[in-house]
Amino acid sequence: MNGTGDELTRVLAPICAYLEVELDDVELHGGVLRVTVERAGGLDLDQLAEVSRAVSTLLDAREDLAPAGRYELEVSTPGLERRLRRPEQFRRAVGSTVAVRTVPGTAGERRLEGVLVAADNEKFEVAAATGVPRQLTYREVERAHTVFDWRRALAERRDAGTEDDADEGKRPGQAHRSSSREETGGAGGRVSRRPGATKERATTP
């Protein structure tokens, strides 16, 4: 990105708050700028499109914050398993099962799965299946994400007597994507982003 990811996160947070959604993450990967948002009760595609338009408008006005070159904007909800990259994300996930892969050279096994029992600004603690807690700093983490317990979820749904989503329009992991055409380009694909030339499409993974 032209600006830092932290700077874009800082600018987007109040915009998301105004739209009554919480900004979960901002990540640029493979030419896709992913903005992840959430709201209690979930969001439907129309609400994601509203956030997408607001983010697009900001990037038109603040090109210093936009990724350089070709990219596609994707606004989505976190989904059932979510990436953990910042301390506040780890704090929100306390009590959840997480999978962690450490950076090479970190003491102990590189792969760890267990319940996240504590997290602060510098470190976090995971209780593995062995029952032995392990404490790591965020600098020691290569990748981490929550783990969705499908068997537990299915059992709870059977106990509740429900088989379908309570709200089909607010399923986790939905995404709204917008890309732009070059002035001489065709439709579709990831193409250069130009102010005022946004092409929107909504999809549900």
N, C-alpha and C. Protein backbone atom coordinates (compact mmCIF):
# COMPACT_ATOMS: atom_id res chain seq x y z
N MET A 1 0.84 -1.19 0.00
CA MET A 1 0.00 0.00 0.00
C MET A 1 0.88 1.24 0.00
N ASN A 2 0.38 2.32 -0.59
CA ASN A 2 1.14 3.55 -0.56
C ASN A 2 1.37 3.99 0.88
N GLY A 3 0.28 4.02 1.68
CA GLY A 3 0.40 4.24 3.10
C GLY A 3 0.58 2.91 3.80
N THR A 4 0.83 2.94 5.11
CA THR A 4 0.98 1.69 5.84
C THR A 4 -0.38 1.09 6.13
N GLY A 5 -0.41 -0.24 6.36
CA GLY A 5 -1.66 -0.89 6.71
C GLY A 5 -2.23 -0.34 7.99
N ASP A 6 -1.34 -0.01 8.94
CA ASP A 6 -1.80 0.55 10.22
C ASP A 6 -2.46 1.90 10.01
N GLU A 7 -1.93 2.69 9.09
CA GLU A 7 -2.51 4.01 8.83
C GLU A 7 -3.88 3.88 8.19
N LEU A 8 -4.02 2.95 7.24
CA LEU A 8 -5.31 2.73 6.60
C LEU A 8 -6.32 2.20 7.61
N THR A 9 -5.88 1.32 8.49
CA THR A 9 -6.76 0.81 9.54
C THR A 9 -7.25 1.95 10.43
N ARG A 10 -6.33 2.84 10.79
CA ARG A 10 -6.68 3.96 11.65
C ARG A 10 -7.71 4.88 10.99
N VAL A 11 -7.58 5.10 9.68
CA VAL A 11 -8.51 5.98 8.97
C VAL A 11 -9.86 5.30 8.73
N LEU A 12 -9.83 3.99 8.48
CA LEU A 12 -11.07 3.28 8.19
C LEU A 12 -11.92 3.01 9.43
N ALA A 13 -11.29 2.89 10.59
CA ALA A 13 -12.02 2.52 11.81
C ALA A 13 -13.19 3.46 12.11
N PRO A 14 -13.00 4.80 12.10
CA PRO A 14 -14.14 5.68 12.39
C PRO A 14 -15.22 5.64 11.31
N ILE A 15 -14.84 5.38 10.05
CA ILE A 15 -15.83 5.26 8.98
C ILE A 15 -16.70 4.03 9.22
N CYS A 16 -16.06 2.93 9.60
CA CYS A 16 -16.81 1.71 9.90
C CYS A 16 -17.71 1.92 11.12
N ALA A 17 -17.19 2.62 12.12
CA ALA A 17 -17.99 2.88 13.32
C ALA A 17 -19.23 3.70 12.97
N TYR A 18 -19.08 4.67 12.06
CA TYR A 18 -20.22 5.49 11.63
C TYR A 18 -21.28 4.62 10.95
N LEU A 19 -20.83 3.59 10.22
CA LEU A 19 -21.75 2.67 9.55
C LEU A 19 -22.22 1.55 10.49
N GLU A 20 -21.83 1.65 11.75
CA GLU A 20 -22.25 0.70 12.79
C GLU A 20 -21.75 -0.71 12.52
N VAL A 21 -20.51 -0.79 12.02
CA VAL A 21 -19.83 -2.08 11.90
C VAL A 21 -18.47 -1.94 12.57
N GLU A 22 -17.89 -3.07 12.92
CA GLU A 22 -16.57 -3.07 13.55
C GLU A 22 -15.53 -3.52 12.55
N LEU A 23 -14.46 -2.74 12.43
CA LEU A 23 -13.37 -3.10 11.53
C LEU A 23 -12.52 -4.18 12.18
N ASP A 24 -12.45 -5.36 11.53
CA ASP A 24 -11.70 -6.48 12.10
C ASP A 24 -10.28 -6.55 11.56
N ASP A 25 -10.10 -6.31 10.25
CA ASP A 25 -8.76 -6.48 9.69
C ASP A 25 -8.66 -5.77 8.34
N VAL A 26 -7.44 -5.39 7.99
CA VAL A 26 -7.12 -4.83 6.67
C VAL A 26 -5.86 -5.54 6.19
N GLU A 27 -5.93 -6.12 5.00
CA GLU A 27 -4.79 -6.89 4.50
C GLU A 27 -4.71 -6.78 2.99
N LEU A 28 -3.50 -6.57 2.48
CA LEU A 28 -3.25 -6.57 1.03
C LEU A 28 -2.51 -7.85 0.70
N HIS A 29 -3.12 -8.68 -0.16
CA HIS A 29 -2.50 -9.96 -0.52
C HIS A 29 -2.82 -10.31 -1.96
N GLY A 30 -1.78 -10.50 -2.75
CA GLY A 30 -1.96 -10.92 -4.13
C GLY A 30 -2.80 -9.98 -4.97
N GLY A 31 -2.68 -8.69 -4.77
CA GLY A 31 -3.45 -7.73 -5.55
C GLY A 31 -4.87 -7.51 -5.07
N VAL A 32 -5.23 -8.11 -3.92
CA VAL A 32 -6.56 -7.93 -3.35
C VAL A 32 -6.42 -7.22 -2.00
N LEU A 33 -7.08 -6.08 -1.87
CA LEU A 33 -7.15 -5.37 -0.59
C LEU A 33 -8.38 -5.88 0.15
N ARG A 34 -8.17 -6.66 1.20
CA ARG A 34 -9.27 -7.25 1.95
C ARG A 34 -9.55 -6.41 3.20
N VAL A 35 -10.78 -5.96 3.31
CA VAL A 35 -11.24 -5.24 4.49
C VAL A 35 -12.30 -6.11 5.16
N THR A 36 -12.03 -6.56 6.37
CA THR A 36 -12.93 -7.47 7.07
C THR A 36 -13.67 -6.71 8.15
N VAL A 37 -15.00 -6.81 8.13
CA VAL A 37 -15.83 -6.10 9.10
C VAL A 37 -16.83 -7.07 9.71
N GLU A 38 -17.36 -6.72 10.87
CA GLU A 38 -18.37 -7.55 11.50
C GLU A 38 -19.34 -6.69 12.29
N ARG A 39 -20.47 -7.30 12.63
CA ARG A 39 -21.50 -6.64 13.42
C ARG A 39 -22.27 -7.73 14.16
N ALA A 40 -22.65 -7.44 15.39
CA ALA A 40 -23.45 -8.40 16.14
C ALA A 40 -24.72 -8.71 15.36
N GLY A 41 -24.99 -9.99 15.14
CA GLY A 41 -26.15 -10.38 14.35
C GLY A 41 -25.83 -10.60 12.89
N GLY A 42 -24.60 -10.22 12.47
CA GLY A 42 -24.18 -10.45 11.09
C GLY A 42 -24.53 -9.32 10.13
N LEU A 43 -24.00 -9.41 8.92
CA LEU A 43 -24.26 -8.43 7.86
C LEU A 43 -24.72 -9.15 6.61
N ASP A 44 -25.62 -8.52 5.86
CA ASP A 44 -26.02 -9.08 4.58
C ASP A 44 -25.23 -8.40 3.47
N LEU A 45 -25.44 -8.83 2.22
CA LEU A 45 -24.66 -8.31 1.11
C LEU A 45 -24.92 -6.84 0.85
N ASP A 46 -26.14 -6.37 1.08
CA ASP A 46 -26.43 -4.94 0.89
C ASP A 46 -25.63 -4.10 1.88
N GLN A 47 -25.51 -4.57 3.11
CA GLN A 47 -24.74 -3.83 4.11
C GLN A 47 -23.26 -3.86 3.79
N LEU A 48 -22.76 -5.00 3.30
CA LEU A 48 -21.37 -5.07 2.88
C LEU A 48 -21.10 -4.14 1.70
N ALA A 49 -22.07 -4.04 0.79
CA ALA A 49 -21.92 -3.14 -0.35
C ALA A 49 -21.84 -1.69 0.11
N GLU A 50 -22.60 -1.34 1.13
CA GLU A 50 -22.56 0.02 1.67
C GLU A 50 -21.17 0.34 2.23
N VAL A 51 -20.60 -0.62 2.95
CA VAL A 51 -19.26 -0.42 3.49
C VAL A 51 -18.25 -0.33 2.35
N SER A 52 -18.42 -1.19 1.34
CA SER A 52 -17.51 -1.18 0.19
C SER A 52 -17.51 0.18 -0.51
N ARG A 53 -18.69 0.76 -0.68
CA ARG A 53 -18.77 2.08 -1.34
C ARG A 53 -18.07 3.14 -0.50
N ALA A 54 -18.22 3.07 0.82
CA ALA A 54 -17.58 4.05 1.69
C ALA A 54 -16.06 3.92 1.64
N VAL A 55 -15.57 2.69 1.64
CA VAL A 55 -14.12 2.47 1.56
C VAL A 55 -13.60 2.93 0.20
N SER A 56 -14.34 2.63 -0.87
CA SER A 56 -13.94 3.04 -2.21
C SER A 56 -13.87 4.56 -2.32
N THR A 57 -14.85 5.23 -1.74
CA THR A 57 -14.86 6.70 -1.77
C THR A 57 -13.64 7.26 -1.05
N LEU A 58 -13.31 6.65 0.10
CA LEU A 58 -12.12 7.10 0.84
C LEU A 58 -10.86 6.93 0.00
N LEU A 59 -10.71 5.78 -0.64
CA LEU A 59 -9.50 5.52 -1.42
C LEU A 59 -9.42 6.42 -2.64
N ASP A 60 -10.58 6.83 -3.19
CA ASP A 60 -10.58 7.81 -4.29
C ASP A 60 -10.03 9.15 -3.80
N ALA A 61 -10.44 9.52 -2.58
CA ALA A 61 -10.04 10.82 -2.04
C ALA A 61 -8.62 10.80 -1.46
N ARG A 62 -8.18 9.63 -0.98
CA ARG A 62 -6.86 9.50 -0.35
C ARG A 62 -6.04 8.46 -1.09
N GLU A 63 -5.57 8.83 -2.27
CA GLU A 63 -4.79 7.89 -3.07
C GLU A 63 -3.48 7.52 -2.39
N ASP A 64 -3.03 8.34 -1.43
CA ASP A 64 -1.81 8.02 -0.70
C ASP A 64 -2.00 6.78 0.18
N LEU A 65 -3.25 6.44 0.48
CA LEU A 65 -3.53 5.26 1.29
C LEU A 65 -3.84 4.02 0.46
N ALA A 66 -4.12 4.22 -0.82
CA ALA A 66 -4.51 3.11 -1.69
C ALA A 66 -3.29 2.30 -2.11
N PRO A 67 -3.48 1.00 -2.41
CA PRO A 67 -2.37 0.20 -2.91
C PRO A 67 -1.86 0.76 -4.24
N ALA A 68 -0.58 0.66 -4.45
CA ALA A 68 0.00 1.10 -5.71
C ALA A 68 -0.30 0.08 -6.80
N GLY A 69 -0.60 0.55 -8.00
CA GLY A 69 -0.81 -0.35 -9.13
C GLY A 69 -2.19 -0.99 -9.13
N ARG A 70 -2.22 -2.24 -9.62
CA ARG A 70 -3.48 -2.94 -9.85
C ARG A 70 -3.93 -3.65 -8.58
N TYR A 71 -5.20 -3.51 -8.25
CA TYR A 71 -5.74 -4.21 -7.09
C TYR A 71 -7.25 -4.30 -7.16
N GLU A 72 -7.81 -5.16 -6.34
CA GLU A 72 -9.25 -5.32 -6.21
C GLU A 72 -9.62 -5.15 -4.74
N LEU A 73 -10.70 -4.43 -4.49
CA LEU A 73 -11.17 -4.22 -3.12
C LEU A 73 -12.19 -5.30 -2.77
N GLU A 74 -11.99 -5.95 -1.64
CA GLU A 74 -12.92 -6.96 -1.16
C GLU A 74 -13.31 -6.63 0.28
N VAL A 75 -14.59 -6.43 0.53
CA VAL A 75 -15.11 -6.20 1.88
C VAL A 75 -15.89 -7.44 2.28
N SER A 76 -15.53 -8.05 3.39
CA SER A 76 -16.14 -9.31 3.77
C SER A 76 -16.29 -9.41 5.29
N THR A 77 -17.05 -10.42 5.72
CA THR A 77 -17.14 -10.75 7.13
C THR A 77 -16.09 -11.81 7.43
N PRO A 78 -15.73 -11.99 8.71
CA PRO A 78 -14.60 -12.85 9.04
C PRO A 78 -14.77 -14.32 8.68
N GLY A 79 -15.98 -14.84 8.68
CA GLY A 79 -16.14 -16.26 8.43
C GLY A 79 -16.05 -17.07 9.72
N LEU A 80 -16.15 -18.37 9.58
CA LEU A 80 -16.16 -19.25 10.75
C LEU A 80 -14.79 -19.36 11.39
N GLU A 81 -13.74 -19.33 10.57
CA GLU A 81 -12.38 -19.35 11.09
C GLU A 81 -11.70 -18.07 10.65
N ARG A 82 -11.20 -17.31 11.61
CA ARG A 82 -10.67 -16.00 11.29
C ARG A 82 -9.19 -15.88 11.62
N ARG A 83 -8.48 -15.11 10.79
CA ARG A 83 -7.07 -14.85 11.02
C ARG A 83 -6.91 -14.03 12.29
N LEU A 84 -5.82 -14.30 12.99
CA LEU A 84 -5.44 -13.53 14.17
C LEU A 84 -4.08 -12.92 13.89
N ARG A 85 -4.03 -11.60 13.80
CA ARG A 85 -2.78 -10.93 13.46
C ARG A 85 -2.39 -9.84 14.45
N ARG A 86 -3.39 -9.25 15.12
CA ARG A 86 -3.11 -8.15 16.03
C ARG A 86 -3.54 -8.50 17.45
N PRO A 87 -2.93 -7.86 18.46
CA PRO A 87 -3.26 -8.18 19.85
C PRO A 87 -4.75 -8.09 20.16
N GLU A 88 -5.44 -7.07 19.61
CA GLU A 88 -6.86 -6.93 19.91
C GLU A 88 -7.68 -8.09 19.35
N GLN A 89 -7.21 -8.67 18.22
CA GLN A 89 -7.90 -9.84 17.66
C GLN A 89 -7.72 -11.05 18.57
N PHE A 90 -6.51 -11.21 19.12
CA PHE A 90 -6.28 -12.30 20.06
C PHE A 90 -7.13 -12.11 21.32
N ARG A 91 -7.23 -10.87 21.80
CA ARG A 91 -8.02 -10.63 23.02
C ARG A 91 -9.48 -10.99 22.79
N ARG A 92 -10.03 -10.64 21.62
CA ARG A 92 -11.42 -10.97 21.33
C ARG A 92 -11.64 -12.48 21.21
N ALA A 93 -10.58 -13.21 20.88
CA ALA A 93 -10.71 -14.65 20.66
C ALA A 93 -10.45 -15.48 21.91
N VAL A 94 -10.19 -14.84 23.05
CA VAL A 94 -9.94 -15.58 24.29
C VAL A 94 -11.15 -16.49 24.58
N GLY A 95 -10.86 -17.75 24.88
CA GLY A 95 -11.91 -18.74 25.10
C GLY A 95 -12.18 -19.61 23.89
N SER A 96 -11.64 -19.21 22.71
CA SER A 96 -11.82 -19.97 21.48
C SER A 96 -10.65 -20.93 21.26
N THR A 97 -10.89 -21.96 20.46
CA THR A 97 -9.81 -22.85 20.04
C THR A 97 -9.05 -22.18 18.90
N VAL A 98 -7.73 -22.20 18.98
CA VAL A 98 -6.90 -21.54 17.97
C VAL A 98 -5.81 -22.50 17.49
N ALA A 99 -5.35 -22.26 16.27
CA ALA A 99 -4.20 -22.98 15.72
C ALA A 99 -3.11 -21.95 15.46
N VAL A 100 -1.90 -22.26 15.89
CA VAL A 100 -0.78 -21.32 15.79
C VAL A 100 0.41 -22.02 15.14
N ARG A 101 1.07 -21.32 14.22
CA ARG A 101 2.35 -21.78 13.68
C ARG A 101 3.39 -20.73 14.00
N THR A 102 4.46 -21.12 14.63
CA THR A 102 5.48 -20.17 15.05
C THR A 102 6.52 -19.97 13.96
N VAL A 103 7.30 -18.90 14.09
CA VAL A 103 8.37 -18.63 13.13
C VAL A 103 9.51 -19.62 13.38
N PRO A 104 10.27 -19.95 12.34
CA PRO A 104 11.40 -20.86 12.53
C PRO A 104 12.36 -20.32 13.60
N GLY A 105 12.86 -21.23 14.42
CA GLY A 105 13.80 -20.84 15.47
C GLY A 105 13.15 -20.64 16.82
N THR A 106 11.82 -20.62 16.87
CA THR A 106 11.12 -20.48 18.15
C THR A 106 11.22 -21.79 18.93
N ALA A 107 11.47 -21.69 20.21
CA ALA A 107 11.60 -22.89 21.05
C ALA A 107 10.30 -23.67 21.06
N GLY A 108 10.40 -25.01 21.08
CA GLY A 108 9.22 -25.86 21.12
C GLY A 108 8.71 -26.21 19.73
N GLU A 109 7.61 -26.98 19.70
CA GLU A 109 7.03 -27.37 18.42
C GLU A 109 6.48 -26.15 17.69
N ARG A 110 6.58 -26.19 16.35
CA ARG A 110 6.16 -25.03 15.56
C ARG A 110 4.64 -24.95 15.44
N ARG A 111 3.95 -26.08 15.53
CA ARG A 111 2.49 -26.08 15.39
C ARG A 111 1.83 -26.36 16.73
N LEU A 112 0.84 -25.55 17.04
CA LEU A 112 0.17 -25.65 18.34
C LEU A 112 -1.32 -25.41 18.15
N GLU A 113 -2.14 -26.24 18.77
CA GLU A 113 -3.58 -26.05 18.75
C GLU A 113 -4.11 -26.25 20.16
N GLY A 114 -4.99 -25.35 20.58
CA GLY A 114 -5.57 -25.44 21.91
C GLY A 114 -6.46 -24.24 22.17
N VAL A 115 -6.87 -24.09 23.41
CA VAL A 115 -7.76 -22.99 23.79
C VAL A 115 -6.93 -21.77 24.16
N LEU A 116 -7.27 -20.65 23.56
CA LEU A 116 -6.62 -19.38 23.90
C LEU A 116 -7.16 -18.91 25.24
N VAL A 117 -6.31 -18.93 26.27
CA VAL A 117 -6.79 -18.66 27.63
C VAL A 117 -6.48 -17.24 28.10
N ALA A 118 -5.52 -16.56 27.45
CA ALA A 118 -5.18 -15.20 27.87
C ALA A 118 -4.44 -14.50 26.74
N ALA A 119 -4.58 -13.17 26.68
CA ALA A 119 -3.88 -12.37 25.68
C ALA A 119 -3.79 -10.93 26.17
N ASP A 120 -2.63 -10.31 25.97
CA ASP A 120 -2.47 -8.90 26.27
C ASP A 120 -1.74 -8.25 25.10
N ASN A 121 -1.15 -7.09 25.31
CA ASN A 121 -0.53 -6.37 24.20
C ASN A 121 0.79 -6.96 23.73
N GLU A 122 1.41 -7.82 24.54
CA GLU A 122 2.73 -8.35 24.22
C GLU A 122 2.75 -9.84 23.94
N LYS A 123 1.85 -10.59 24.56
CA LYS A 123 1.93 -12.04 24.49
C LYS A 123 0.54 -12.66 24.66
N PHE A 124 0.48 -13.99 24.46
CA PHE A 124 -0.77 -14.72 24.68
C PHE A 124 -0.43 -16.12 25.18
N GLU A 125 -1.44 -16.82 25.67
CA GLU A 125 -1.23 -18.15 26.24
C GLU A 125 -2.27 -19.12 25.71
N VAL A 126 -1.79 -20.28 25.28
CA VAL A 126 -2.66 -21.33 24.73
C VAL A 126 -2.54 -22.58 25.59
N ALA A 127 -3.67 -23.14 25.98
CA ALA A 127 -3.70 -24.41 26.70
C ALA A 127 -3.90 -25.52 25.68
N ALA A 128 -2.84 -26.27 25.43
CA ALA A 128 -2.89 -27.33 24.42
C ALA A 128 -3.65 -28.54 24.95
N ALA A 129 -3.87 -29.51 24.06
CA ALA A 129 -4.60 -30.72 24.45
C ALA A 129 -3.88 -31.48 25.55
N THR A 130 -2.56 -31.32 25.65
CA THR A 130 -1.78 -31.98 26.69
C THR A 130 -2.06 -31.39 28.07
N GLY A 131 -2.71 -30.22 28.09
CA GLY A 131 -3.00 -29.56 29.35
C GLY A 131 -1.91 -28.64 29.83
N VAL A 132 -0.80 -28.60 29.09
CA VAL A 132 0.33 -27.75 29.47
C VAL A 132 0.21 -26.42 28.73
N PRO A 133 0.02 -25.29 29.45
CA PRO A 133 -0.10 -23.99 28.77
C PRO A 133 1.22 -23.60 28.11
N ARG A 134 1.11 -22.89 27.00
CA ARG A 134 2.31 -22.38 26.32
C ARG A 134 2.12 -20.90 26.05
N GLN A 135 3.11 -20.13 26.42
CA GLN A 135 3.05 -18.68 26.24
C GLN A 135 3.96 -18.27 25.10
N LEU A 136 3.43 -17.41 24.22
CA LEU A 136 4.18 -16.93 23.07
C LEU A 136 4.03 -15.43 22.94
N THR A 137 5.04 -14.78 22.38
CA THR A 137 4.90 -13.37 22.02
C THR A 137 4.40 -13.30 20.59
N TYR A 138 3.83 -12.16 20.21
CA TYR A 138 3.30 -12.01 18.85
C TYR A 138 4.42 -12.05 17.81
N ARG A 139 5.63 -11.66 18.20
CA ARG A 139 6.76 -11.71 17.26
C ARG A 139 7.14 -13.14 16.90
N GLU A 140 6.74 -14.09 17.74
CA GLU A 140 7.08 -15.49 17.50
C GLU A 140 6.05 -16.21 16.60
N VAL A 141 5.00 -15.49 16.19
CA VAL A 141 3.91 -16.10 15.43
C VAL A 141 4.08 -15.86 13.94
N GLU A 142 4.09 -16.93 13.17
CA GLU A 142 4.08 -16.81 11.71
C GLU A 142 2.65 -16.71 11.20
N ARG A 143 1.75 -17.51 11.77
CA ARG A 143 0.35 -17.50 11.35
C ARG A 143 -0.50 -18.07 12.48
N ALA A 144 -1.70 -17.48 12.66
CA ALA A 144 -2.62 -17.98 13.69
C ALA A 144 -4.05 -17.73 13.23
N HIS A 145 -4.95 -18.63 13.62
CA HIS A 145 -6.37 -18.46 13.29
C HIS A 145 -7.22 -19.24 14.27
N THR A 146 -8.48 -18.84 14.39
CA THR A 146 -9.40 -19.59 15.22
C THR A 146 -9.78 -20.89 14.51
N VAL A 147 -10.22 -21.87 15.28
CA VAL A 147 -10.61 -23.17 14.73
C VAL A 147 -12.09 -23.40 15.04
N PHE A 148 -12.89 -23.64 14.00
CA PHE A 148 -14.32 -23.86 14.19
C PHE A 148 -14.56 -25.34 14.48
N ASP A 149 -15.28 -25.62 15.57
CA ASP A 149 -15.58 -26.99 15.98
C ASP A 149 -16.89 -27.43 15.31
N TRP A 150 -16.77 -28.10 14.17
CA TRP A 150 -17.96 -28.50 13.41
C TRP A 150 -18.82 -29.50 14.17
N ARG A 151 -18.18 -30.46 14.84
CA ARG A 151 -18.95 -31.48 15.55
C ARG A 151 -19.77 -30.86 16.68
N ARG A 152 -19.17 -29.94 17.38
CA ARG A 152 -19.90 -29.27 18.47
C ARG A 152 -21.05 -28.44 17.91
N ALA A 153 -20.80 -27.72 16.79
CA ALA A 153 -21.84 -26.88 16.20
C ALA A 153 -23.02 -27.73 15.71
N LEU A 154 -22.72 -28.87 15.06
CA LEU A 154 -23.79 -29.74 14.57
C LEU A 154 -24.59 -30.33 15.73
N ALA A 155 -23.89 -30.69 16.80
CA ALA A 155 -24.58 -31.24 17.96
C ALA A 155 -25.51 -30.20 18.58
N GLU A 156 -25.04 -28.95 18.66
CA GLU A 156 -25.86 -27.89 19.24
C GLU A 156 -27.08 -27.62 18.36
N ARG A 157 -26.90 -27.70 17.03
CA ARG A 157 -28.03 -27.46 16.13
C ARG A 157 -29.05 -28.59 16.21
N ARG A 158 -28.54 -29.82 16.37
CA ARG A 158 -29.46 -30.94 16.53
C ARG A 158 -30.26 -30.80 17.83
N ASP A 159 -29.56 -30.39 18.89
CA ASP A 159 -30.24 -30.21 20.18
C ASP A 159 -31.29 -29.12 20.10
N ALA A 160 -30.99 -28.07 19.28
CA ALA A 160 -31.92 -26.95 19.14
C ALA A 160 -33.02 -27.26 18.13
N GLY A 161 -32.87 -28.36 17.37
CA GLY A 161 -33.88 -28.74 16.39
C GLY A 161 -33.86 -27.90 15.15
N THR A 162 -32.67 -27.30 14.80
CA THR A 162 -32.56 -26.46 13.60
C THR A 162 -31.55 -27.06 12.66
N GLU A 163 -31.85 -27.03 11.38
CA GLU A 163 -30.93 -27.55 10.37
C GLU A 163 -30.47 -26.49 9.40
N ASP A 164 -31.24 -25.39 9.28
CA ASP A 164 -30.91 -24.34 8.32
C ASP A 164 -30.42 -23.11 9.06
N ASP A 165 -29.73 -22.23 8.34
CA ASP A 165 -29.29 -20.97 8.92
C ASP A 165 -30.50 -20.17 9.38
N ALA A 166 -30.37 -19.53 10.55
CA ALA A 166 -31.47 -18.72 11.06
C ALA A 166 -31.75 -17.55 10.15
N ASP A 167 -30.72 -17.04 9.49
CA ASP A 167 -30.89 -15.90 8.59
C ASP A 167 -30.02 -16.13 7.37
N GLU A 168 -30.65 -16.56 6.25
CA GLU A 168 -29.90 -16.88 5.04
C GLU A 168 -29.14 -15.68 4.51
N GLY A 169 -29.64 -14.46 4.80
CA GLY A 169 -28.99 -13.28 4.27
C GLY A 169 -27.78 -12.83 5.05
N LYS A 170 -27.48 -13.50 6.17
CA LYS A 170 -26.39 -13.05 7.02
C LYS A 170 -25.49 -14.23 7.38
N ARG A 171 -25.01 -14.92 6.37
CA ARG A 171 -24.13 -16.05 6.61
C ARG A 171 -22.70 -15.57 6.81
N PRO A 172 -21.93 -16.26 7.68
CA PRO A 172 -20.54 -15.84 7.89
C PRO A 172 -19.72 -16.05 6.63
N GLY A 173 -18.70 -15.22 6.46
CA GLY A 173 -17.79 -15.38 5.34
C GLY A 173 -18.28 -14.80 4.03
N GLN A 174 -19.32 -13.95 4.04
CA GLN A 174 -19.78 -13.32 2.81
C GLN A 174 -18.80 -12.22 2.42
N ALA A 175 -18.78 -11.91 1.11
CA ALA A 175 -17.85 -10.90 0.63
C ALA A 175 -18.50 -10.05 -0.45
N HIS A 176 -18.14 -8.77 -0.45
CA HIS A 176 -18.52 -7.87 -1.54
C HIS A 176 -17.24 -7.37 -2.16
N ARG A 177 -17.11 -7.55 -3.47
CA ARG A 177 -15.88 -7.17 -4.16
C ARG A 177 -16.16 -6.05 -5.14
N SER A 178 -15.23 -5.14 -5.26
CA SER A 178 -15.32 -4.10 -6.28
C SER A 178 -13.96 -3.94 -6.93
N SER A 179 -13.98 -3.85 -8.25
CA SER A 179 -12.74 -3.63 -8.99
C SER A 179 -12.99 -2.49 -9.95
N SER A 180 -11.94 -2.07 -10.65
CA SER A 180 -12.07 -0.95 -11.58
C SER A 180 -11.56 -1.34 -12.94
N ARG A 181 -12.08 -0.69 -13.95
CA ARG A 181 -11.62 -0.90 -15.33
C ARG A 181 -10.54 0.11 -15.67
N GLU A 182 -9.63 -0.33 -16.50
CA GLU A 182 -8.80 0.66 -17.15
C GLU A 182 -9.66 1.37 -18.18
N GLU A 183 -9.26 2.54 -18.59
CA GLU A 183 -10.09 3.33 -19.50
C GLU A 183 -10.32 2.60 -20.82
N THR A 184 -9.39 1.73 -21.21
CA THR A 184 -9.56 0.98 -22.46
C THR A 184 -9.80 -0.49 -22.19
N GLY A 185 -10.00 -0.86 -20.91
CA GLY A 185 -10.10 -2.27 -20.55
C GLY A 185 -11.51 -2.79 -20.64
N GLY A 186 -11.63 -4.13 -20.48
CA GLY A 186 -12.93 -4.77 -20.51
C GLY A 186 -13.41 -5.06 -19.11
N ALA A 187 -14.55 -5.76 -19.05
CA ALA A 187 -15.14 -6.04 -17.75
C ALA A 187 -14.46 -7.23 -17.11
N GLY A 188 -14.58 -7.27 -15.79
CA GLY A 188 -14.15 -8.44 -15.03
C GLY A 188 -12.67 -8.42 -14.72
N GLY A 189 -12.27 -9.32 -13.80
CA GLY A 189 -10.86 -9.46 -13.45
C GLY A 189 -10.37 -8.36 -12.55
N ARG A 190 -9.07 -8.47 -12.23
CA ARG A 190 -8.45 -7.46 -11.38
C ARG A 190 -7.73 -6.47 -12.28
N VAL A 191 -8.22 -5.28 -12.29
CA VAL A 191 -7.66 -4.30 -13.21
C VAL A 191 -7.32 -3.04 -12.44
N SER A 192 -6.67 -2.10 -13.10
CA SER A 192 -6.21 -0.90 -12.43
C SER A 192 -7.36 -0.11 -11.85
N ARG A 193 -7.15 0.38 -10.64
CA ARG A 193 -8.18 1.14 -9.95
C ARG A 193 -8.08 2.59 -10.33
N ARG A 194 -9.18 3.16 -10.84
CA ARG A 194 -9.20 4.57 -11.20
C ARG A 194 -10.38 5.25 -10.51
N PRO A 195 -10.16 6.45 -9.92
CA PRO A 195 -11.26 7.14 -9.23
C PRO A 195 -12.45 7.31 -10.14
N GLY A 196 -13.64 7.02 -9.61
CA GLY A 196 -14.87 7.23 -10.34
C GLY A 196 -15.18 6.17 -11.37
N ALA A 197 -14.38 5.09 -11.41
CA ALA A 197 -14.61 4.05 -12.42
C ALA A 197 -14.83 2.70 -11.75
N THR A 198 -15.45 2.69 -10.63
CA THR A 198 -15.60 1.45 -9.86
C THR A 198 -16.68 0.57 -10.44
N LYS A 199 -16.35 -0.71 -10.60
CA LYS A 199 -17.31 -1.72 -11.05
C LYS A 199 -17.55 -2.65 -9.89
N GLU A 200 -18.79 -2.80 -9.43
CA GLU A 200 -19.08 -3.58 -8.24
C GLU A 200 -19.72 -4.91 -8.60
N ARG A 201 -19.39 -5.94 -7.82
CA ARG A 201 -20.09 -7.21 -7.95
C ARG A 201 -20.12 -7.87 -6.58
N ALA A 202 -21.20 -8.52 -6.26
CA ALA A 202 -21.36 -9.15 -4.96
C ALA A 202 -21.34 -10.65 -5.13
N THR A 203 -20.62 -11.33 -4.22
CA THR A 203 -20.56 -12.78 -4.27
C THR A 203 -20.66 -13.32 -2.88
N THR A 204 -21.11 -14.56 -2.79
CA THR A 204 -21.13 -15.26 -1.51
C THR A 204 -20.29 -16.53 -1.66
N PRO A 205 -19.13 -16.61 -0.94
CA PRO A 205 -18.27 -17.79 -1.08
C PRO A 205 -19.02 -19.06 -0.71
